[in-house]
Amino acid sequence: HARLIEKNLKRYVTNKIIRLSDGQQAVDFLFSEG
């Protein structure tokens, strides 16, 4: 799903995309933890 989302989005936007694969990584990233 992540590859499909990135591949299809990149056809329409040039924004940088950062991918994380679980909620703990997301919380750590968003709150500069871990």
PDB file of all heavy atoms in Angstrom:
ATOM      1  N   HIS A   1       0.835  -1.204   0.000  1.00  0.00           N
ATOM      2  CA  HIS A   1       0.000   0.000   0.000  1.00  0.00           C
ATOM      3  C   HIS A   1       0.869   1.254   0.000  1.00  0.00           C
ATOM      4  O   HIS A   1       0.581   2.214  -0.715  1.00  0.00           O
ATOM      5  CB  HIS A   1      -0.917   0.021   1.225  1.00  0.00           C
ATOM      6  CG  HIS A   1      -2.070  -0.917   1.137  1.00  0.00           C
ATOM      7  ND1 HIS A   1      -3.070  -0.948   2.072  1.00  0.00           N
ATOM      8  CD2 HIS A   1      -2.396  -1.866   0.227  1.00  0.00           C
ATOM      9  CE1 HIS A   1      -3.957  -1.865   1.742  1.00  0.00           C
ATOM     10  NE2 HIS A   1      -3.560  -2.445   0.634  1.00  0.00           N
ATOM     11  N   ALA A   2       1.923   1.230   0.816  1.00  0.00           N
ATOM     12  CA  ALA A   2       2.809   2.399   0.898  1.00  0.00           C
ATOM     13  C   ALA A   2       3.425   2.705  -0.462  1.00  0.00           C
ATOM     14  O   ALA A   2       3.461   3.864  -0.890  1.00  0.00           O
ATOM     15  CB  ALA A   2       3.902   2.166   1.941  1.00  0.00           C
ATOM     16  N   ARG A   3       3.900   1.665  -1.170  1.00  0.00           N
ATOM     17  CA  ARG A   3       4.486   1.876  -2.503  1.00  0.00           C
ATOM     18  C   ARG A   3       3.457   2.442  -3.469  1.00  0.00           C
ATOM     19  O   ARG A   3       3.758   3.354  -4.236  1.00  0.00           O
ATOM     20  CB  ARG A   3       5.073   0.568  -3.054  1.00  0.00           C
ATOM     21  CG  ARG A   3       6.485   0.290  -2.573  1.00  0.00           C
ATOM     22  CD  ARG A   3       7.145  -0.842  -3.346  1.00  0.00           C
ATOM     23  NE  ARG A   3       6.421  -2.104  -3.300  1.00  0.00           N
ATOM     24  CZ  ARG A   3       6.483  -2.973  -2.298  1.00  0.00           C
ATOM     25  NH1 ARG A   3       7.226  -2.727  -1.254  1.00  0.00           N
ATOM     26  NH2 ARG A   3       5.793  -4.097  -2.334  1.00  0.00           N
ATOM     27  N   LEU A   4       2.252   1.898  -3.445  1.00  0.00           N
ATOM     28  CA  LEU A   4       1.198   2.398  -4.336  1.00  0.00           C
ATOM     29  C   LEU A   4       0.845   3.855  -4.019  1.00  0.00           C
ATOM     30  O   LEU A   4       0.656   4.663  -4.933  1.00  0.00           O
ATOM     31  CB  LEU A   4      -0.059   1.540  -4.210  1.00  0.00           C
ATOM     32  CG  LEU A   4      -0.059   0.217  -4.957  1.00  0.00           C
ATOM     33  CD1 LEU A   4      -1.318  -0.579  -4.615  1.00  0.00           C
ATOM     34  CD2 LEU A   4       0.022   0.452  -6.457  1.00  0.00           C
ATOM     35  N   ILE A   5       0.737   4.173  -2.759  1.00  0.00           N
ATOM     36  CA  ILE A   5       0.417   5.546  -2.366  1.00  0.00           C
ATOM     37  C   ILE A   5       1.522   6.487  -2.835  1.00  0.00           C
ATOM     38  O   ILE A   5       1.253   7.497  -3.486  1.00  0.00           O
ATOM     39  CB  ILE A   5       0.212   5.646  -0.830  1.00  0.00           C
ATOM     40  CG1 ILE A   5      -1.054   4.885  -0.419  1.00  0.00           C
ATOM     41  CG2 ILE A   5       0.145   7.113  -0.394  1.00  0.00           C
ATOM     42  CD1 ILE A   5      -1.165   4.624   1.074  1.00  0.00           C
ATOM     43  N   GLU A   6       2.770   6.147  -2.520  1.00  0.00           N
ATOM     44  CA  GLU A   6       3.895   7.005  -2.916  1.00  0.00           C
ATOM     45  C   GLU A   6       3.977   7.146  -4.433  1.00  0.00           C
ATOM     46  O   GLU A   6       4.117   8.248  -4.956  1.00  0.00           O
ATOM     47  CB  GLU A   6       5.211   6.443  -2.369  1.00  0.00           C
ATOM     48  CG  GLU A   6       5.381   6.674  -0.893  1.00  0.00           C
ATOM     49  CD  GLU A   6       6.739   6.229  -0.409  1.00  0.00           C
ATOM     50  OE1 GLU A   6       7.725   6.984  -0.598  1.00  0.00           O
ATOM     51  OE2 GLU A   6       6.825   5.118   0.167  1.00  0.00           O
ATOM     52  N   LYS A   7       3.919   6.015  -5.132  1.00  0.00           N
ATOM     53  CA  LYS A   7       4.036   6.026  -6.594  1.00  0.00           C
ATOM     54  C   LYS A   7       2.959   6.913  -7.220  1.00  0.00           C
ATOM     55  O   LYS A   7       3.249   7.737  -8.093  1.00  0.00           O
ATOM     56  CB  LYS A   7       3.910   4.589  -7.124  1.00  0.00           C
ATOM     57  CG  LYS A   7       3.898   4.464  -8.618  1.00  0.00           C
ATOM     58  CD  LYS A   7       3.685   3.010  -9.020  1.00  0.00           C
ATOM     59  CE  LYS A   7       3.201   2.917 -10.440  1.00  0.00           C
ATOM     60  NZ  LYS A   7       2.683   1.611 -10.777  1.00  0.00           N
ATOM     61  N   ASN A   8       1.720   6.729  -6.772  1.00  0.00           N
ATOM     62  CA  ASN A   8       0.625   7.498  -7.349  1.00  0.00           C
ATOM     63  C   ASN A   8       0.663   8.960  -6.939  1.00  0.00           C
ATOM     64  O   ASN A   8       0.393   9.836  -7.750  1.00  0.00           O
ATOM     65  CB  ASN A   8      -0.720   6.857  -6.994  1.00  0.00           C
ATOM     66  CG  ASN A   8      -0.998   5.649  -7.858  1.00  0.00           C
ATOM     67  OD1 ASN A   8      -1.338   5.779  -9.021  1.00  0.00           O
ATOM     68  ND2 ASN A   8      -0.806   4.464  -7.299  1.00  0.00           N
ATOM     69  N   LEU A   9       1.007   9.245  -5.689  1.00  0.00           N
ATOM     70  CA  LEU A   9       1.085  10.642  -5.260  1.00  0.00           C
ATOM     71  C   LEU A   9       2.184  11.394  -6.005  1.00  0.00           C
ATOM     72  O   LEU A   9       2.007  12.554  -6.364  1.00  0.00           O
ATOM     73  CB  LEU A   9       1.350  10.732  -3.757  1.00  0.00           C
ATOM     74  CG  LEU A   9       0.154  10.750  -2.842  1.00  0.00           C
ATOM     75  CD1 LEU A   9       0.601  10.943  -1.396  1.00  0.00           C
ATOM     76  CD2 LEU A   9      -0.851  11.806  -3.231  1.00  0.00           C
ATOM     77  N   LYS A  10       3.313  10.725  -6.234  1.00  0.00           N
ATOM     78  CA  LYS A  10       4.444  11.395  -6.897  1.00  0.00           C
ATOM     79  C   LYS A  10       4.119  11.785  -8.339  1.00  0.00           C
ATOM     80  O   LYS A  10       4.825  12.594  -8.929  1.00  0.00           O
ATOM     81  CB  LYS A  10       5.700  10.530  -6.819  1.00  0.00           C
ATOM     82  CG  LYS A  10       6.298  10.545  -5.426  1.00  0.00           C
ATOM     83  CD  LYS A  10       7.556   9.732  -5.335  1.00  0.00           C
ATOM     84  CE  LYS A  10       8.125   9.818  -3.935  1.00  0.00           C
ATOM     85  NZ  LYS A  10       9.339   9.052  -3.775  1.00  0.00           N
ATOM     86  N   ARG A  11       3.060  11.239  -8.885  1.00  0.00           N
ATOM     87  CA  ARG A  11       2.617  11.654 -10.216  1.00  0.00           C
ATOM     88  C   ARG A  11       2.007  13.052 -10.180  1.00  0.00           C
ATOM     89  O   ARG A  11       1.935  13.723 -11.192  1.00  0.00           O
ATOM     90  CB  ARG A  11       1.565  10.689 -10.757  1.00  0.00           C
ATOM     91  CG  ARG A  11       2.085   9.336 -11.090  1.00  0.00           C
ATOM     92  CD  ARG A  11       0.957   8.467 -11.587  1.00  0.00           C
ATOM     93  NE  ARG A  11       1.430   7.139 -11.919  1.00  0.00           N
ATOM     94  CZ  ARG A  11       0.652   6.135 -12.231  1.00  0.00           C
ATOM     95  NH1 ARG A  11      -0.656   6.302 -12.272  1.00  0.00           N
ATOM     96  NH2 ARG A  11       1.154   4.962 -12.520  1.00  0.00           N
ATOM     97  N   TYR A  12       1.537  13.457  -8.992  1.00  0.00           N
ATOM     98  CA  TYR A  12       0.765  14.691  -8.883  1.00  0.00           C
ATOM     99  C   TYR A  12       1.374  15.745  -7.971  1.00  0.00           C
ATOM    100  O   TYR A  12       0.977  16.905  -8.038  1.00  0.00           O
ATOM    101  CB  TYR A  12      -0.664  14.367  -8.410  1.00  0.00           C
ATOM    102  CG  TYR A  12      -1.286  13.308  -9.279  1.00  0.00           C
ATOM    103  CD1 TYR A  12      -1.416  12.001  -8.839  1.00  0.00           C
ATOM    104  CD2 TYR A  12      -1.692  13.600 -10.573  1.00  0.00           C
ATOM    105  CE1 TYR A  12      -1.951  11.016  -9.652  1.00  0.00           C
ATOM    106  CE2 TYR A  12      -2.223  12.628 -11.403  1.00  0.00           C
ATOM    107  CZ  TYR A  12      -2.354  11.330 -10.937  1.00  0.00           C
ATOM    108  OH  TYR A  12      -2.871  10.357 -11.753  1.00  0.00           O
ATOM    109  N   VAL A  13       2.301  15.347  -7.101  1.00  0.00           N
ATOM    110  CA  VAL A  13       2.935  16.318  -6.209  1.00  0.00           C
ATOM    111  C   VAL A  13       4.446  16.085  -6.182  1.00  0.00           C
ATOM    112  O   VAL A  13       4.917  14.981  -6.438  1.00  0.00           O
ATOM    113  CB  VAL A  13       2.380  16.251  -4.766  1.00  0.00           C
ATOM    114  CG1 VAL A  13       0.895  16.590  -4.729  1.00  0.00           C
ATOM    115  CG2 VAL A  13       2.637  14.907  -4.115  1.00  0.00           C
ATOM    116  N   THR A  14       5.178  17.134  -5.869  1.00  0.00           N
ATOM    117  CA  THR A  14       6.633  17.021  -5.762  1.00  0.00           C
ATOM    118  C   THR A  14       7.084  17.075  -4.307  1.00  0.00           C
ATOM    119  O   THR A  14       8.276  17.098  -4.023  1.00  0.00           O
ATOM    120  CB  THR A  14       7.321  18.152  -6.548  1.00  0.00           C
ATOM    121  OG1 THR A  14       6.863  19.411  -6.034  1.00  0.00           O
ATOM    122  CG2 THR A  14       7.030  18.052  -8.034  1.00  0.00           C
ATOM    123  N   ASN A  15       6.138  17.089  -3.387  1.00  0.00           N
ATOM    124  CA  ASN A  15       6.446  17.172  -1.968  1.00  0.00           C
ATOM    125  C   ASN A  15       7.326  16.011  -1.523  1.00  0.00           C
ATOM    126  O   ASN A  15       7.195  14.897  -2.031  1.00  0.00           O
ATOM    127  CB  ASN A  15       5.157  17.134  -1.135  1.00  0.00           C
ATOM    128  CG  ASN A  15       4.165  18.195  -1.536  1.00  0.00           C
ATOM    129  OD1 ASN A  15       3.728  18.234  -2.682  1.00  0.00           O
ATOM    130  ND2 ASN A  15       3.800  19.053  -0.604  1.00  0.00           N
ATOM    131  N   LYS A  16       8.179  16.281  -0.549  1.00  0.00           N
ATOM    132  CA  LYS A  16       8.969  15.222   0.064  1.00  0.00           C
ATOM    133  C   LYS A  16       8.019  14.318   0.836  1.00  0.00           C
ATOM    134  O   LYS A  16       7.106  14.791   1.523  1.00  0.00           O
ATOM    135  CB  LYS A  16      10.005  15.822   1.015  1.00  0.00           C
ATOM    136  CG  LYS A  16      10.854  14.786   1.705  1.00  0.00           C
ATOM    137  CD  LYS A  16      11.892  15.429   2.599  1.00  0.00           C
ATOM    138  CE  LYS A  16      12.694  14.339   3.274  1.00  0.00           C
ATOM    139  NZ  LYS A  16      13.701  14.898   4.174  1.00  0.00           N
ATOM    140  N   ILE A  17       8.219  12.998   0.709  1.00  0.00           N
ATOM    141  CA  ILE A  17       7.400  12.019   1.424  1.00  0.00           C
ATOM    142  C   ILE A  17       8.318  11.213   2.342  1.00  0.00           C
ATOM    143  O   ILE A  17       9.300  10.633   1.890  1.00  0.00           O
ATOM    144  CB  ILE A  17       6.654  11.074   0.457  1.00  0.00           C
ATOM    145  CG1 ILE A  17       5.717  11.876  -0.453  1.00  0.00           C
ATOM    146  CG2 ILE A  17       5.880  10.015   1.239  1.00  0.00           C
ATOM    147  CD1 ILE A  17       5.052  11.050  -1.550  1.00  0.00           C
ATOM    148  N   ILE A  18       7.985  11.191   3.623  1.00  0.00           N
ATOM    149  CA  ILE A  18       8.694  10.382   4.607  1.00  0.00           C
ATOM    150  C   ILE A  18       7.753   9.258   5.007  1.00  0.00           C
ATOM    151  O   ILE A  18       6.611   9.511   5.382  1.00  0.00           O
ATOM    152  CB  ILE A  18       9.078  11.208   5.852  1.00  0.00           C
ATOM    153  CG1 ILE A  18      10.016  12.349   5.464  1.00  0.00           C
ATOM    154  CG2 ILE A  18       9.693  10.315   6.929  1.00  0.00           C
ATOM    155  CD1 ILE A  18      10.253  13.358   6.579  1.00  0.00           C
ATOM    156  N   ARG A  19       8.218   8.007   4.947  1.00  0.00           N
ATOM    157  CA  ARG A  19       7.346   6.877   5.290  1.00  0.00           C
ATOM    158  C   ARG A  19       7.793   6.225   6.582  1.00  0.00           C
ATOM    159  O   ARG A  19       8.973   5.939   6.769  1.00  0.00           O
ATOM    160  CB  ARG A  19       7.351   5.839   4.188  1.00  0.00           C
ATOM    161  CG  ARG A  19       6.460   4.665   4.591  1.00  0.00           C
ATOM    162  CD  ARG A  19       6.429   3.549   3.584  1.00  0.00           C
ATOM    163  NE  ARG A  19       5.742   2.421   4.186  1.00  0.00           N
ATOM    164  CZ  ARG A  19       6.312   1.261   4.454  1.00  0.00           C
ATOM    165  NH1 ARG A  19       7.563   1.048   4.174  1.00  0.00           N
ATOM    166  NH2 ARG A  19       5.611   0.299   5.015  1.00  0.00           N
ATOM    167  N   LEU A  20       6.835   5.994   7.445  1.00  0.00           N
ATOM    168  CA  LEU A  20       7.056   5.239   8.675  1.00  0.00           C
ATOM    169  C   LEU A  20       6.076   4.073   8.673  1.00  0.00           C
ATOM    170  O   LEU A  20       4.978   4.185   8.130  1.00  0.00           O
ATOM    171  CB  LEU A  20       6.831   6.127   9.900  1.00  0.00           C
ATOM    172  CG  LEU A  20       7.733   7.365   9.982  1.00  0.00           C
ATOM    173  CD1 LEU A  20       7.328   8.244  11.154  1.00  0.00           C
ATOM    174  CD2 LEU A  20       9.194   6.974  10.078  1.00  0.00           C
ATOM    175  N   SER A  21       6.473   2.958   9.302  1.00  0.00           N
ATOM    176  CA  SER A  21       5.670   1.746   9.150  1.00  0.00           C
ATOM    177  C   SER A  21       4.907   1.299  10.387  1.00  0.00           C
ATOM    178  O   SER A  21       4.259   0.258  10.363  1.00  0.00           O
ATOM    179  CB  SER A  21       6.555   0.601   8.650  1.00  0.00           C
ATOM    180  OG  SER A  21       7.603   0.374   9.557  1.00  0.00           O
ATOM    181  N   ASP A  22       4.968   2.059  11.482  1.00  0.00           N
ATOM    182  CA  ASP A  22       4.098   1.727  12.608  1.00  0.00           C
ATOM    183  C   ASP A  22       3.853   2.969  13.461  1.00  0.00           C
ATOM    184  O   ASP A  22       4.535   3.987  13.325  1.00  0.00           O
ATOM    185  CB  ASP A  22       4.633   0.557  13.444  1.00  0.00           C
ATOM    186  CG  ASP A  22       5.887   0.865  14.238  1.00  0.00           C
ATOM    187  OD1 ASP A  22       5.889   1.858  15.008  1.00  0.00           O
ATOM    188  OD2 ASP A  22       6.857   0.106  14.128  1.00  0.00           O
ATOM    189  N   GLY A  23       2.868   2.854  14.326  1.00  0.00           N
ATOM    190  CA  GLY A  23       2.460   3.991  15.128  1.00  0.00           C
ATOM    191  C   GLY A  23       3.508   4.472  16.109  1.00  0.00           C
ATOM    192  O   GLY A  23       3.589   5.670  16.396  1.00  0.00           O
ATOM    193  N   GLN A  24       4.308   3.554  16.651  1.00  0.00           N
ATOM    194  CA  GLN A  24       5.352   3.975  17.591  1.00  0.00           C
ATOM    195  C   GLN A  24       6.399   4.826  16.880  1.00  0.00           C
ATOM    196  O   GLN A  24       6.830   5.845  17.410  1.00  0.00           O
ATOM    197  CB  GLN A  24       6.022   2.760  18.250  1.00  0.00           C
ATOM    198  CG  GLN A  24       7.048   3.148  19.314  1.00  0.00           C
ATOM    199  CD  GLN A  24       6.411   3.876  20.478  1.00  0.00           C
ATOM    200  OE1 GLN A  24       5.525   3.335  21.128  1.00  0.00           O
ATOM    201  NE2 GLN A  24       6.847   5.100  20.746  1.00  0.00           N
ATOM    202  N   GLN A  25       6.800   4.411  15.675  1.00  0.00           N
ATOM    203  CA  GLN A  25       7.735   5.230  14.896  1.00  0.00           C
ATOM    204  C   GLN A  25       7.141   6.616  14.661  1.00  0.00           C
ATOM    205  O   GLN A  25       7.845   7.622  14.755  1.00  0.00           O
ATOM    206  CB  GLN A  25       8.028   4.583  13.539  1.00  0.00           C
ATOM    207  CG  GLN A  25       8.890   3.368  13.580  1.00  0.00           C
ATOM    208  CD  GLN A  25       9.078   2.776  12.188  1.00  0.00           C
ATOM    209  OE1 GLN A  25       8.431   3.166  11.215  1.00  0.00           O
ATOM    210  NE2 GLN A  25       9.979   1.808  12.088  1.00  0.00           N
ATOM    211  N   ALA A  26       5.850   6.666  14.359  1.00  0.00           N
ATOM    212  CA  ALA A  26       5.188   7.945  14.089  1.00  0.00           C
ATOM    213  C   ALA A  26       5.213   8.843  15.317  1.00  0.00           C
ATOM    214  O   ALA A  26       5.562  10.027  15.223  1.00  0.00           O
ATOM    215  CB  ALA A  26       3.750   7.698  13.635  1.00  0.00           C
ATOM    216  N   VAL A  27       4.866   8.300  16.479  1.00  0.00           N
ATOM    217  CA  VAL A  27       4.872   9.087  17.715  1.00  0.00           C
ATOM    218  C   VAL A  27       6.286   9.573  18.013  1.00  0.00           C
ATOM    219  O   VAL A  27       6.499  10.744  18.343  1.00  0.00           O
ATOM    220  CB  VAL A  27       4.290   8.258  18.885  1.00  0.00           C
ATOM    221  CG1 VAL A  27       4.553   8.927  20.226  1.00  0.00           C
ATOM    222  CG2 VAL A  27       2.789   8.035  18.677  1.00  0.00           C
ATOM    223  N   ASP A  28       7.266   8.672  17.879  1.00  0.00           N
ATOM    224  CA  ASP A  28       8.662   9.068  18.121  1.00  0.00           C
ATOM    225  C   ASP A  28       9.080  10.189  17.174  1.00  0.00           C
ATOM    226  O   ASP A  28       9.715  11.162  17.582  1.00  0.00           O
ATOM    227  CB  ASP A  28       9.602   7.865  17.969  1.00  0.00           C
ATOM    228  CG  ASP A  28       9.475   6.863  19.114  1.00  0.00           C
ATOM    229  OD1 ASP A  28       8.807   7.181  20.128  1.00  0.00           O
ATOM    230  OD2 ASP A  28      10.032   5.762  18.982  1.00  0.00           O
ATOM    231  N   PHE A  29       8.725  10.062  15.900  1.00  0.00           N
ATOM    232  CA  PHE A  29       9.074  11.074  14.897  1.00  0.00           C
ATOM    233  C   PHE A  29       8.400  12.410  15.216  1.00  0.00           C
ATOM    234  O   PHE A  29       9.043  13.458  15.226  1.00  0.00           O
ATOM    235  CB  PHE A  29       8.659  10.589  13.502  1.00  0.00           C
ATOM    236  CG  PHE A  29       9.007  11.529  12.396  1.00  0.00           C
ATOM    237  CD1 PHE A  29      10.247  11.469  11.783  1.00  0.00           C
ATOM    238  CD2 PHE A  29       8.105  12.480  11.958  1.00  0.00           C
ATOM    239  CE1 PHE A  29      10.581  12.346  10.755  1.00  0.00           C
ATOM    240  CE2 PHE A  29       8.418  13.358  10.929  1.00  0.00           C
ATOM    241  CZ  PHE A  29       9.665  13.286  10.331  1.00  0.00           C
ATOM    242  N   LEU A  30       7.113  12.367  15.483  1.00  0.00           N
ATOM    243  CA  LEU A  30       6.346  13.589  15.715  1.00  0.00           C
ATOM    244  C   LEU A  30       6.753  14.331  16.984  1.00  0.00           C
ATOM    245  O   LEU A  30       6.701  15.552  17.048  1.00  0.00           O
ATOM    246  CB  LEU A  30       4.849  13.264  15.765  1.00  0.00           C
ATOM    247  CG  LEU A  30       4.238  12.876  14.428  1.00  0.00           C
ATOM    248  CD1 LEU A  30       2.895  12.177  14.631  1.00  0.00           C
ATOM    249  CD2 LEU A  30       4.074  14.112  13.539  1.00  0.00           C
ATOM    250  N   PHE A  31       7.194  13.577  17.994  1.00  0.00           N
ATOM    251  CA  PHE A  31       7.531  14.183  19.282  1.00  0.00           C
ATOM    252  C   PHE A  31       9.031  14.174  19.575  1.00  0.00           C
ATOM    253  O   PHE A  31       9.447  14.434  20.698  1.00  0.00           O
ATOM    254  CB  PHE A  31       6.744  13.492  20.399  1.00  0.00           C
ATOM    255  CG  PHE A  31       5.269  13.698  20.265  1.00  0.00           C
ATOM    256  CD1 PHE A  31       4.456  12.692  19.752  1.00  0.00           C
ATOM    257  CD2 PHE A  31       4.678  14.902  20.609  1.00  0.00           C
ATOM    258  CE1 PHE A  31       3.093  12.887  19.594  1.00  0.00           C
ATOM    259  CE2 PHE A  31       3.317  15.113  20.460  1.00  0.00           C
ATOM    260  CZ  PHE A  31       2.517  14.096  19.946  1.00  0.00           C
ATOM    261  N   SER A  32       9.840  13.863  18.535  1.00  0.00           N
ATOM    262  CA  SER A  32      11.310  13.830  18.668  1.00  0.00           C
ATOM    263  C   SER A  32      11.740  12.978  19.859  1.00  0.00           C
ATOM    264  O   SER A  32      12.499  13.410  20.727  1.00  0.00           O
ATOM    265  CB  SER A  32      11.872  15.254  18.774  1.00  0.00           C
ATOM    266  OG  SER A  32      11.564  15.982  17.613  1.00  0.00           O
ATOM    267  N   GLU A  33      11.258  11.739  19.878  1.00  0.00           N
ATOM    268  CA  GLU A  33      11.576  10.792  20.943  1.00  0.00           C
ATOM    269  C   GLU A  33      12.227   9.551  20.336  1.00  0.00           C
ATOM    270  O   GLU A  33      12.289   9.395  19.120  1.00  0.00           O
ATOM    271  CB  GLU A  33      10.303  10.387  21.693  1.00  0.00           C
ATOM    272  CG  GLU A  33       9.604  11.549  22.375  1.00  0.00           C
ATOM    273  CD  GLU A  33       8.242  11.187  22.938  1.00  0.00           C
ATOM    274  OE1 GLU A  33       7.732  10.073  22.697  1.00  0.00           O
ATOM    275  OE2 GLU A  33       7.676  12.049  23.616  1.00  0.00           O
ATOM    276  N   GLY A  34      12.699   8.653  21.196  1.00  0.00           N
ATOM    277  CA  GLY A  34      13.264   7.387  20.746  1.00  0.00           C
ATOM    278  C   GLY A  34      14.353   7.579  19.707  1.00  0.00           C
ATOM    279  O   GLY A  34      15.271   8.385  19.898  1.00  0.00           O
TER     280      GLY A  34
END
